[in-house]
Amino acid sequence: MKRSLLPLNALRVFDAAARTLSFTKAADELAVTPAAVGQQIRALEETLGVILFRRTARGLELTPEAIRALPHLRAGFSAFEESVAALQEGQGQTRLSLGCARGAIRHWLLPRLTHWLEANPEASVQVLALDGPVDFAQANLDLALSFGPAPDAEGVFGRKLADELLVTVAAPGAPSRALGWRSMEGPAVALPDAGQALDWAIAGLGEARVPLTLAAAALAAGHVEERAERTPTDDAYWLCAPAPQWKSAKVKALVETLTA
């Protein structure tokens, strides 16, 4: 059955005015002017075809119709509030589904996710490996880390981790054998993703040209060294999600941990 559009704002004004029996007090409660309250009440009366208030020498009085309707109206508002609380409770849970560019799972996501899990011992996290842009219309994800150009899907907001650089790294003493990934040209060994190329480089099997975002920890720890100049790239790592999901408490907390 098709539901009619309810004048919820005007009904909320009516509830405040009925509770206080004063347009001025209702206006103070709602942070509007008394004239605005009067306008909303008149519009509601016209919409419903019912008189809600009568002015007497003692002030405002509710009509019998208004008195009969108020308990049902207030029960409806309570149900709305419970529904909103249930929605917010779901957003506040630490149950997360994350998409991540396959090459960044081990070298970028997991070390940072570990800190979040330590701070949230009751958390439950599912990680989905991504091999390209994420389709939030198909994937039920709270947040994703993609690699490439800025997300351009309608309604999806992206936050770039950094202006990316490509670095050539290898373990000290490793051969100059080229370890390639993705569309890198002419590698001696072609690997599925940048993370595996970095793993092979750390193992001393050759040189990998990978995003600095992935190699930074290995460089800082001395597991690999740089062997060529860094070069900029138009691609980058992006945290992305539909705009409303950025407002959820659990996504905000996770993003804060991942970008700290």
C-alpha atoms as a PDB file:
ATOM      1  CA  MET A   1       0.000   0.000   0.000  1.00  0.00           C
ATOM      2  CA  LYS A   2       1.344   3.417  -0.923  1.00  0.00           C
ATOM      3  CA  ARG A   3       2.045   5.564   2.124  1.00  0.00           C
ATOM      4  CA  SER A   4       1.134   9.240   2.152  1.00  0.00           C
ATOM      5  CA  LEU A   5       3.884  11.758   2.852  1.00  0.00           C
ATOM      6  CA  LEU A   6       3.523  12.897   6.438  1.00  0.00           C
ATOM      7  CA  PRO A   7       4.266  16.516   7.414  1.00  0.00           C
ATOM      8  CA  LEU A   8       6.720  15.336  10.082  1.00  0.00           C
ATOM      9  CA  ASN A   9       8.250  18.728  10.836  1.00  0.00           C
ATOM     10  CA  ALA A  10       4.847  20.330  11.350  1.00  0.00           C
ATOM     11  CA  LEU A  11       3.771  17.396  13.539  1.00  0.00           C
ATOM     12  CA  ARG A  12       6.869  17.882  15.695  1.00  0.00           C
ATOM     13  CA  VAL A  13       5.970  21.571  16.055  1.00  0.00           C
ATOM     14  CA  PHE A  14       2.431  20.595  17.011  1.00  0.00           C
ATOM     15  CA  ASP A  15       3.756  18.218  19.668  1.00  0.00           C
ATOM     16  CA  ALA A  16       5.939  20.958  21.203  1.00  0.00           C
ATOM     17  CA  ALA A  17       3.111  23.521  21.143  1.00  0.00           C
ATOM     18  CA  ALA A  18       0.647  21.018  22.640  1.00  0.00           C
ATOM     19  CA  ARG A  19       3.069  20.160  25.424  1.00  0.00           C
ATOM     20  CA  THR A  20       3.738  23.777  26.374  1.00  0.00           C
ATOM     21  CA  LEU A  21       0.401  25.315  25.305  1.00  0.00           C
ATOM     22  CA  SER A  22       2.465  28.254  24.096  1.00  0.00           C
ATOM     23  CA  PHE A  23       3.782  29.122  20.657  1.00  0.00           C
ATOM     24  CA  THR A  24       6.524  31.202  22.319  1.00  0.00           C
ATOM     25  CA  LYS A  25       7.739  28.351  24.548  1.00  0.00           C
ATOM     26  CA  ALA A  26       7.538  25.909  21.647  1.00  0.00           C
ATOM     27  CA  ALA A  27       9.581  28.312  19.535  1.00  0.00           C
ATOM     28  CA  ASP A  28      12.261  28.510  22.241  1.00  0.00           C
ATOM     29  CA  GLU A  29      12.395  24.719  22.434  1.00  0.00           C
ATOM     30  CA  LEU A  30      12.686  24.320  18.678  1.00  0.00           C
ATOM     31  CA  ALA A  31      15.046  27.292  18.176  1.00  0.00           C
ATOM     32  CA  VAL A  32      12.678  29.066  15.769  1.00  0.00           C
ATOM     33  CA  THR A  33      10.468  32.148  16.004  1.00  0.00           C
ATOM     34  CA  PRO A  34       6.921  32.131  17.412  1.00  0.00           C
ATOM     35  CA  ALA A  35       5.732  33.281  13.985  1.00  0.00           C
ATOM     36  CA  ALA A  36       7.319  30.194  12.415  1.00  0.00           C
ATOM     37  CA  VAL A  37       5.511  27.973  14.924  1.00  0.00           C
ATOM     38  CA  GLY A  38       2.205  29.659  14.138  1.00  0.00           C
ATOM     39  CA  GLN A  39       2.799  29.246  10.413  1.00  0.00           C
ATOM     40  CA  GLN A  40       3.552  25.522  10.793  1.00  0.00           C
ATOM     41  CA  ILE A  41       0.418  24.991  12.906  1.00  0.00           C
ATOM     42  CA  ARG A  42      -1.793  26.805  10.403  1.00  0.00           C
ATOM     43  CA  ALA A  43      -0.317  24.825   7.521  1.00  0.00           C
ATOM     44  CA  LEU A  44      -0.859  21.572   9.417  1.00  0.00           C
ATOM     45  CA  GLU A  45      -4.461  22.467  10.168  1.00  0.00           C
ATOM     46  CA  GLU A  46      -5.055  23.237   6.485  1.00  0.00           C
ATOM     47  CA  THR A  47      -3.428  19.968   5.439  1.00  0.00           C
ATOM     48  CA  LEU A  48      -5.421  17.880   7.904  1.00  0.00           C
ATOM     49  CA  GLY A  49      -8.658  19.879   7.708  1.00  0.00           C
ATOM     50  CA  VAL A  50      -8.785  19.919  11.517  1.00  0.00           C
ATOM     51  CA  ILE A  51      -8.539  22.732  14.072  1.00  0.00           C
ATOM     52  CA  LEU A  52      -5.858  21.892  16.644  1.00  0.00           C
ATOM     53  CA  PHE A  53      -5.831  24.913  18.989  1.00  0.00           C
ATOM     54  CA  ARG A  54      -8.349  27.458  20.187  1.00  0.00           C
ATOM     55  CA  ARG A  55      -7.414  30.794  21.767  1.00  0.00           C
ATOM     56  CA  THR A  56      -9.233  31.577  25.028  1.00  0.00           C
ATOM     57  CA  ALA A  57      -8.908  34.237  27.699  1.00  0.00           C
ATOM     58  CA  ARG A  58      -6.613  31.835  29.578  1.00  0.00           C
ATOM     59  CA  GLY A  59      -4.425  31.174  26.520  1.00  0.00           C
ATOM     60  CA  LEU A  60      -4.199  28.234  24.113  1.00  0.00           C
ATOM     61  CA  GLU A  61      -6.383  25.182  24.481  1.00  0.00           C
ATOM     62  CA  LEU A  62      -6.275  21.926  22.576  1.00  0.00           C
ATOM     63  CA  THR A  63      -9.361  20.897  20.640  1.00  0.00           C
ATOM     64  CA  PRO A  64     -10.891  17.472  21.420  1.00  0.00           C
ATOM     65  CA  GLU A  65      -9.539  16.162  18.084  1.00  0.00           C
ATOM     66  CA  ALA A  66      -6.025  17.229  19.032  1.00  0.00           C
ATOM     67  CA  ILE A  67      -6.315  15.666  22.503  1.00  0.00           C
ATOM     68  CA  ARG A  68      -7.383  12.326  20.985  1.00  0.00           C
ATOM     69  CA  ALA A  69      -4.554  12.362  18.441  1.00  0.00           C
ATOM     70  CA  LEU A  70      -1.655  13.297  20.736  1.00  0.00           C
ATOM     71  CA  PRO A  71      -1.049   9.879  22.401  1.00  0.00           C
ATOM     72  CA  HIS A  72      -0.838   8.190  18.986  1.00  0.00           C
ATOM     73  CA  LEU A  73       1.412  10.932  17.644  1.00  0.00           C
ATOM     74  CA  ARG A  74       3.804  10.669  20.584  1.00  0.00           C
ATOM     75  CA  ALA A  75       3.872   6.879  20.316  1.00  0.00           C
ATOM     76  CA  GLY A  76       4.807   7.317  16.657  1.00  0.00           C
ATOM     77  CA  PHE A  77       7.655   9.692  17.516  1.00  0.00           C
ATOM     78  CA  SER A  78       8.933   7.201  20.115  1.00  0.00           C
ATOM     79  CA  ALA A  79       8.915   4.471  17.478  1.00  0.00           C
ATOM     80  CA  PHE A  80      10.852   6.731  15.093  1.00  0.00           C
ATOM     81  CA  GLU A  81      13.446   7.415  17.790  1.00  0.00           C
ATOM     82  CA  GLU A  82      13.844   3.710  18.525  1.00  0.00           C
ATOM     83  CA  SER A  83      14.293   3.009  14.810  1.00  0.00           C
ATOM     84  CA  VAL A  84      16.970   5.698  14.475  1.00  0.00           C
ATOM     85  CA  ALA A  85      18.751   4.391  17.581  1.00  0.00           C
ATOM     86  CA  ALA A  86      18.754   0.878  16.086  1.00  0.00           C
ATOM     87  CA  LEU A  87      20.275   2.192  12.867  1.00  0.00           C
ATOM     88  CA  GLN A  88      22.963   4.116  14.769  1.00  0.00           C
ATOM     89  CA  GLU A  89      23.721   1.120  16.954  1.00  0.00           C
ATOM     90  CA  GLY A  90      24.391  -0.925  13.837  1.00  0.00           C
ATOM     91  CA  GLN A  91      26.768   1.736  12.529  1.00  0.00           C
ATOM     92  CA  GLY A  92      28.609   1.794  15.849  1.00  0.00           C
ATOM     93  CA  GLN A  93      29.386  -1.906  15.881  1.00  0.00           C
ATOM     94  CA  THR A  94      32.944  -3.076  15.216  1.00  0.00           C
ATOM     95  CA  ARG A  95      31.905  -5.510  12.502  1.00  0.00           C
ATOM     96  CA  LEU A  96      33.620  -4.384   9.306  1.00  0.00           C
ATOM     97  CA  SER A  97      33.942  -5.500   5.716  1.00  0.00           C
ATOM     98  CA  LEU A  98      36.963  -4.070   3.900  1.00  0.00           C
ATOM     99  CA  GLY A  99      38.101  -4.235   0.308  1.00  0.00           C
ATOM    100  CA  CYS A 100      41.805  -3.802  -0.355  1.00  0.00           C
ATOM    101  CA  ALA A 101      43.978  -3.693  -3.463  1.00  0.00           C
ATOM    102  CA  ARG A 102      45.517  -7.145  -3.442  1.00  0.00           C
ATOM    103  CA  GLY A 103      49.122  -5.938  -3.385  1.00  0.00           C
ATOM    104  CA  ALA A 104      48.580  -3.727  -0.324  1.00  0.00           C
ATOM    105  CA  ILE A 105      46.998  -6.266   2.014  1.00  0.00           C
ATOM    106  CA  ARG A 106      50.177  -7.575   3.631  1.00  0.00           C
ATOM    107  CA  HIS A 107      52.491  -4.578   3.439  1.00  0.00           C
ATOM    108  CA  TRP A 108      50.051  -1.742   4.172  1.00  0.00           C
ATOM    109  CA  LEU A 109      46.690  -2.889   5.514  1.00  0.00           C
ATOM    110  CA  LEU A 110      47.523  -5.695   7.939  1.00  0.00           C
ATOM    111  CA  PRO A 111      50.133  -3.830  10.033  1.00  0.00           C
ATOM    112  CA  ARG A 112      47.684  -0.940  10.518  1.00  0.00           C
ATOM    113  CA  LEU A 113      44.664  -3.156  10.975  1.00  0.00           C
ATOM    114  CA  THR A 114      46.519  -4.971  13.760  1.00  0.00           C
ATOM    115  CA  HIS A 115      46.594  -1.764  15.827  1.00  0.00           C
ATOM    116  CA  TRP A 116      42.867  -1.272  15.319  1.00  0.00           C
ATOM    117  CA  LEU A 117      42.121  -4.869  16.312  1.00  0.00           C
ATOM    118  CA  GLU A 118      44.238  -4.505  19.461  1.00  0.00           C
ATOM    119  CA  ALA A 119      42.182  -1.447  20.425  1.00  0.00           C
ATOM    120  CA  ASN A 120      38.916  -3.238  19.538  1.00  0.00           C
ATOM    121  CA  PRO A 121      39.287  -6.840  20.800  1.00  0.00           C
ATOM    122  CA  GLU A 122      35.618  -7.600  20.074  1.00  0.00           C
ATOM    123  CA  ALA A 123      35.954  -6.559  16.424  1.00  0.00           C
ATOM    124  CA  SER A 124      35.152  -8.775  13.472  1.00  0.00           C
ATOM    125  CA  VAL A 125      36.766  -7.886  10.139  1.00  0.00           C
ATOM    126  CA  GLN A 126      36.396  -9.406   6.682  1.00  0.00           C
ATOM    127  CA  VAL A 127      38.977  -8.432   4.046  1.00  0.00           C
ATOM    128  CA  LEU A 128      38.221  -8.813   0.346  1.00  0.00           C
ATOM    129  CA  ALA A 129      41.117  -8.682  -2.135  1.00  0.00           C
ATOM    130  CA  LEU A 130      40.511  -6.243  -5.003  1.00  0.00           C
ATOM    131  CA  ASP A 131      42.059  -6.553  -8.439  1.00  0.00           C
ATOM    132  CA  GLY A 132      40.594  -3.311  -9.788  1.00  0.00           C
ATOM    133  CA  PRO A 133      38.155  -0.527  -8.935  1.00  0.00           C
ATOM    134  CA  VAL A 134      35.568  -1.557  -6.353  1.00  0.00           C
ATOM    135  CA  ASP A 135      31.878  -1.588  -7.266  1.00  0.00           C
ATOM    136  CA  PHE A 136      30.087  -0.577  -4.074  1.00  0.00           C
ATOM    137  CA  ALA A 137      26.755  -1.304  -5.743  1.00  0.00           C
ATOM    138  CA  GLN A 138      27.733  -4.979  -5.936  1.00  0.00           C
ATOM    139  CA  ALA A 139      30.092  -5.386  -2.964  1.00  0.00           C
ATOM    140  CA  ASN A 140      28.759  -4.979   0.579  1.00  0.00           C
ATOM    141  CA  LEU A 141      31.804  -3.108   1.916  1.00  0.00           C
ATOM    142  CA  ASP A 142      32.184  -0.475   4.603  1.00  0.00           C
ATOM    143  CA  LEU A 143      35.458   0.864   3.175  1.00  0.00           C
ATOM    144  CA  ALA A 144      37.936   0.024   0.431  1.00  0.00           C
ATOM    145  CA  LEU A 145      41.552   0.771  -0.448  1.00  0.00           C
ATOM    146  CA  SER A 146      41.973   0.948  -4.211  1.00  0.00           C
ATOM    147  CA  PHE A 147      45.013   1.649  -6.375  1.00  0.00           C
ATOM    148  CA  GLY A 148      44.783   3.723  -9.517  1.00  0.00           C
ATOM    149  CA  PRO A 149      43.123   6.995 -10.496  1.00  0.00           C
ATOM    150  CA  ALA A 150      40.694   8.817  -8.224  1.00  0.00           C
ATOM    151  CA  PRO A 151      37.390   6.957  -7.730  1.00  0.00           C
ATOM    152  CA  ASP A 152      34.833   8.309 -10.195  1.00  0.00           C
ATOM    153  CA  ALA A 153      31.768   6.201  -9.401  1.00  0.00           C
ATOM    154  CA  GLU A 154      28.676   8.263  -8.642  1.00  0.00           C
ATOM    155  CA  GLY A 155      28.315   8.951  -4.917  1.00  0.00           C
ATOM    156  CA  VAL A 156      31.704   7.469  -3.970  1.00  0.00           C
ATOM    157  CA  PHE A 157      34.144   9.678  -2.097  1.00  0.00           C
ATOM    158  CA  GLY A 158      37.893   8.952  -2.118  1.00  0.00           C
ATOM    159  CA  ARG A 159      40.690  10.084   0.191  1.00  0.00           C
ATOM    160  CA  LYS A 160      44.173   9.825  -1.333  1.00  0.00           C
ATOM    161  CA  LEU A 161      46.833   8.474   1.007  1.00  0.00           C
ATOM    162  CA  ALA A 162      49.649  10.402  -0.674  1.00  0.00           C
ATOM    163  CA  ASP A 163      50.999  11.614  -3.996  1.00  0.00           C
ATOM    164  CA  GLU A 164      52.549   8.321  -5.018  1.00  0.00           C
ATOM    165  CA  LEU A 165      56.128   7.605  -6.080  1.00  0.00           C
ATOM    166  CA  LEU A 166      57.568   4.446  -7.627  1.00  0.00           C
ATOM    167  CA  VAL A 167      60.767   3.150  -6.068  1.00  0.00           C
ATOM    168  CA  THR A 168      63.135   0.398  -7.181  1.00  0.00           C
ATOM    169  CA  VAL A 169      64.093  -1.747  -4.209  1.00  0.00           C
ATOM    170  CA  ALA A 170      66.094  -4.889  -3.583  1.00  0.00           C
ATOM    171  CA  ALA A 171      67.631  -6.699  -0.650  1.00  0.00           C
ATOM    172  CA  PRO A 172      71.316  -5.815  -0.067  1.00  0.00           C
ATOM    173  CA  GLY A 173      73.441  -7.930  -2.407  1.00  0.00           C
ATOM    174  CA  ALA A 174      70.486  -9.150  -4.450  1.00  0.00           C
ATOM    175  CA  PRO A 175      70.869  -9.574  -8.230  1.00  0.00           C
ATOM    176  CA  SER A 176      69.570  -6.948 -10.633  1.00  0.00           C
ATOM    177  CA  ARG A 177      66.889  -9.300 -11.975  1.00  0.00           C
ATOM    178  CA  ALA A 178      63.711  -7.274 -12.640  1.00  0.00           C
ATOM    179  CA  LEU A 179      60.611  -8.295 -10.715  1.00  0.00           C
ATOM    180  CA  GLY A 180      57.557  -6.859 -12.440  1.00  0.00           C
ATOM    181  CA  TRP A 181      53.834  -6.613 -11.704  1.00  0.00           C
ATOM    182  CA  ARG A 182      50.714  -5.248 -13.322  1.00  0.00           C
ATOM    183  CA  SER A 183      51.757  -3.496 -16.569  1.00  0.00           C
ATOM    184  CA  MET A 184      55.474  -3.142 -15.792  1.00  0.00           C
ATOM    185  CA  GLU A 185      57.376  -3.827 -19.016  1.00  0.00           C
ATOM    186  CA  GLY A 186      60.109  -6.370 -19.619  1.00  0.00           C
ATOM    187  CA  PRO A 187      60.479  -8.017 -16.196  1.00  0.00           C
ATOM    188  CA  ALA A 188      62.563 -11.136 -15.786  1.00  0.00           C
ATOM    189  CA  VAL A 189      59.908 -12.398 -13.413  1.00  0.00           C
ATOM    190  CA  ALA A 190      56.267 -11.270 -13.799  1.00  0.00           C
ATOM    191  CA  LEU A 191      54.228 -11.370 -10.577  1.00  0.00           C
ATOM    192  CA  PRO A 192      50.499 -10.850  -9.924  1.00  0.00           C
ATOM    193  CA  ASP A 193      50.764  -7.717  -7.798  1.00  0.00           C
ATOM    194  CA  ALA A 194      53.103  -5.191  -6.230  1.00  0.00           C
ATOM    195  CA  GLY A 195      52.951  -6.862  -2.836  1.00  0.00           C
ATOM    196  CA  GLN A 196      54.329 -10.121  -4.207  1.00  0.00           C
ATOM    197  CA  ALA A 197      57.006  -8.259  -6.167  1.00  0.00           C
ATOM    198  CA  LEU A 198      58.070  -6.605  -2.907  1.00  0.00           C
ATOM    199  CA  ASP A 199      58.064  -9.985  -1.123  1.00  0.00           C
ATOM    200  CA  TRP A 200      60.417 -11.406  -3.764  1.00  0.00           C
ATOM    201  CA  ALA A 201      62.677  -8.378  -3.469  1.00  0.00           C
ATOM    202  CA  ILE A 202      62.849  -8.755   0.322  1.00  0.00           C
ATOM    203  CA  ALA A 203      63.742 -12.429  -0.212  1.00  0.00           C
ATOM    204  CA  GLY A 204      66.748 -11.340  -2.300  1.00  0.00           C
ATOM    205  CA  LEU A 205      65.447 -12.603  -5.643  1.00  0.00           C
ATOM    206  CA  GLY A 206      65.729  -9.353  -7.606  1.00  0.00           C
ATOM    207  CA  GLU A 207      64.689  -5.716  -7.933  1.00  0.00           C
ATOM    208  CA  ALA A 208      61.063  -4.623  -7.654  1.00  0.00           C
ATOM    209  CA  ARG A 209      59.669  -1.278  -8.770  1.00  0.00           C
ATOM    210  CA  VAL A 210      56.741  -0.675  -6.449  1.00  0.00           C
ATOM    211  CA  PRO A 211      54.779   2.192  -4.855  1.00  0.00           C
ATOM    212  CA  LEU A 212      56.658   3.880  -2.019  1.00  0.00           C
ATOM    213  CA  THR A 213      53.554   3.471   0.156  1.00  0.00           C
ATOM    214  CA  LEU A 214      54.140  -0.301   0.114  1.00  0.00           C
ATOM    215  CA  ALA A 215      57.933  -0.237   0.374  1.00  0.00           C
ATOM    216  CA  ALA A 216      58.289   2.405   3.116  1.00  0.00           C
ATOM    217  CA  ALA A 217      58.254  -0.014   6.068  1.00  0.00           C
ATOM    218  CA  ALA A 218      60.686  -2.441   4.430  1.00  0.00           C
ATOM    219  CA  LEU A 219      63.039   0.440   3.586  1.00  0.00           C
ATOM    220  CA  ALA A 220      62.869   1.817   7.124  1.00  0.00           C
ATOM    221  CA  ALA A 221      63.628  -1.637   8.563  1.00  0.00           C
ATOM    222  CA  GLY A 222      66.591  -2.142   6.212  1.00  0.00           C
ATOM    223  CA  HIS A 223      65.093  -5.193   4.533  1.00  0.00           C
ATOM    224  CA  VAL A 224      65.582  -3.529   1.142  1.00  0.00           C
ATOM    225  CA  GLU A 225      67.544  -0.616  -0.298  1.00  0.00           C
ATOM    226  CA  GLU A 226      66.788   1.758  -3.154  1.00  0.00           C
ATOM    227  CA  ARG A 227      68.620   1.226  -6.434  1.00  0.00           C
ATOM    228  CA  ALA A 228      67.264   3.935  -8.718  1.00  0.00           C
ATOM    229  CA  GLU A 229      65.699   7.366  -8.608  1.00  0.00           C
ATOM    230  CA  ARG A 230      62.147   7.689  -7.449  1.00  0.00           C
ATOM    231  CA  THR A 231      59.633   8.617 -10.124  1.00  0.00           C
ATOM    232  CA  PRO A 232      56.130  10.081  -9.692  1.00  0.00           C
ATOM    233  CA  THR A 233      53.053   8.261 -10.936  1.00  0.00           C
ATOM    234  CA  ASP A 234      49.512   9.439 -11.588  1.00  0.00           C
ATOM    235  CA  ASP A 235      48.155   6.385  -9.766  1.00  0.00           C
ATOM    236  CA  ALA A 236      47.746   6.370  -6.000  1.00  0.00           C
ATOM    237  CA  TYR A 237      46.156   4.486  -3.135  1.00  0.00           C
ATOM    238  CA  TRP A 238      42.673   5.750  -2.228  1.00  0.00           C
ATOM    239  CA  LEU A 239      40.502   5.019   0.774  1.00  0.00           C
ATOM    240  CA  CYS A 240      37.024   5.133  -0.700  1.00  0.00           C
ATOM    241  CA  ALA A 241      33.395   4.541   0.201  1.00  0.00           C
ATOM    242  CA  PRO A 242      29.966   5.946  -0.608  1.00  0.00           C
ATOM    243  CA  ALA A 243      29.661   9.373   1.007  1.00  0.00           C
ATOM    244  CA  PRO A 244      27.146   8.386   3.765  1.00  0.00           C
ATOM    245  CA  GLN A 245      29.436   5.630   5.045  1.00  0.00           C
ATOM    246  CA  TRP A 246      32.155   8.164   5.897  1.00  0.00           C
ATOM    247  CA  LYS A 247      29.794   9.470   8.602  1.00  0.00           C
ATOM    248  CA  SER A 248      29.489   6.129  10.428  1.00  0.00           C
ATOM    249  CA  ALA A 249      31.342   5.843  13.735  1.00  0.00           C
ATOM    250  CA  LYS A 250      33.104   2.604  12.841  1.00  0.00           C
ATOM    251  CA  VAL A 251      34.413   3.897   9.496  1.00  0.00           C
ATOM    252  CA  LYS A 252      35.611   7.143  11.094  1.00  0.00           C
ATOM    253  CA  ALA A 253      37.476   5.203  13.800  1.00  0.00           C
ATOM    254  CA  LEU A 254      39.060   2.849  11.285  1.00  0.00           C
ATOM    255  CA  VAL A 255      40.130   5.626   8.897  1.00  0.00           C
ATOM    256  CA  GLU A 256      41.711   7.492  11.815  1.00  0.00           C
ATOM    257  CA  THR A 257      43.752   4.390  12.696  1.00  0.00           C
ATOM    258  CA  LEU A 258      44.743   3.599   9.124  1.00  0.00           C
ATOM    259  CA  THR A 259      45.952   7.137   8.383  1.00  0.00           C
ATOM    260  CA  ALA A 260      47.645   7.896  11.713  1.00  0.00           C
END
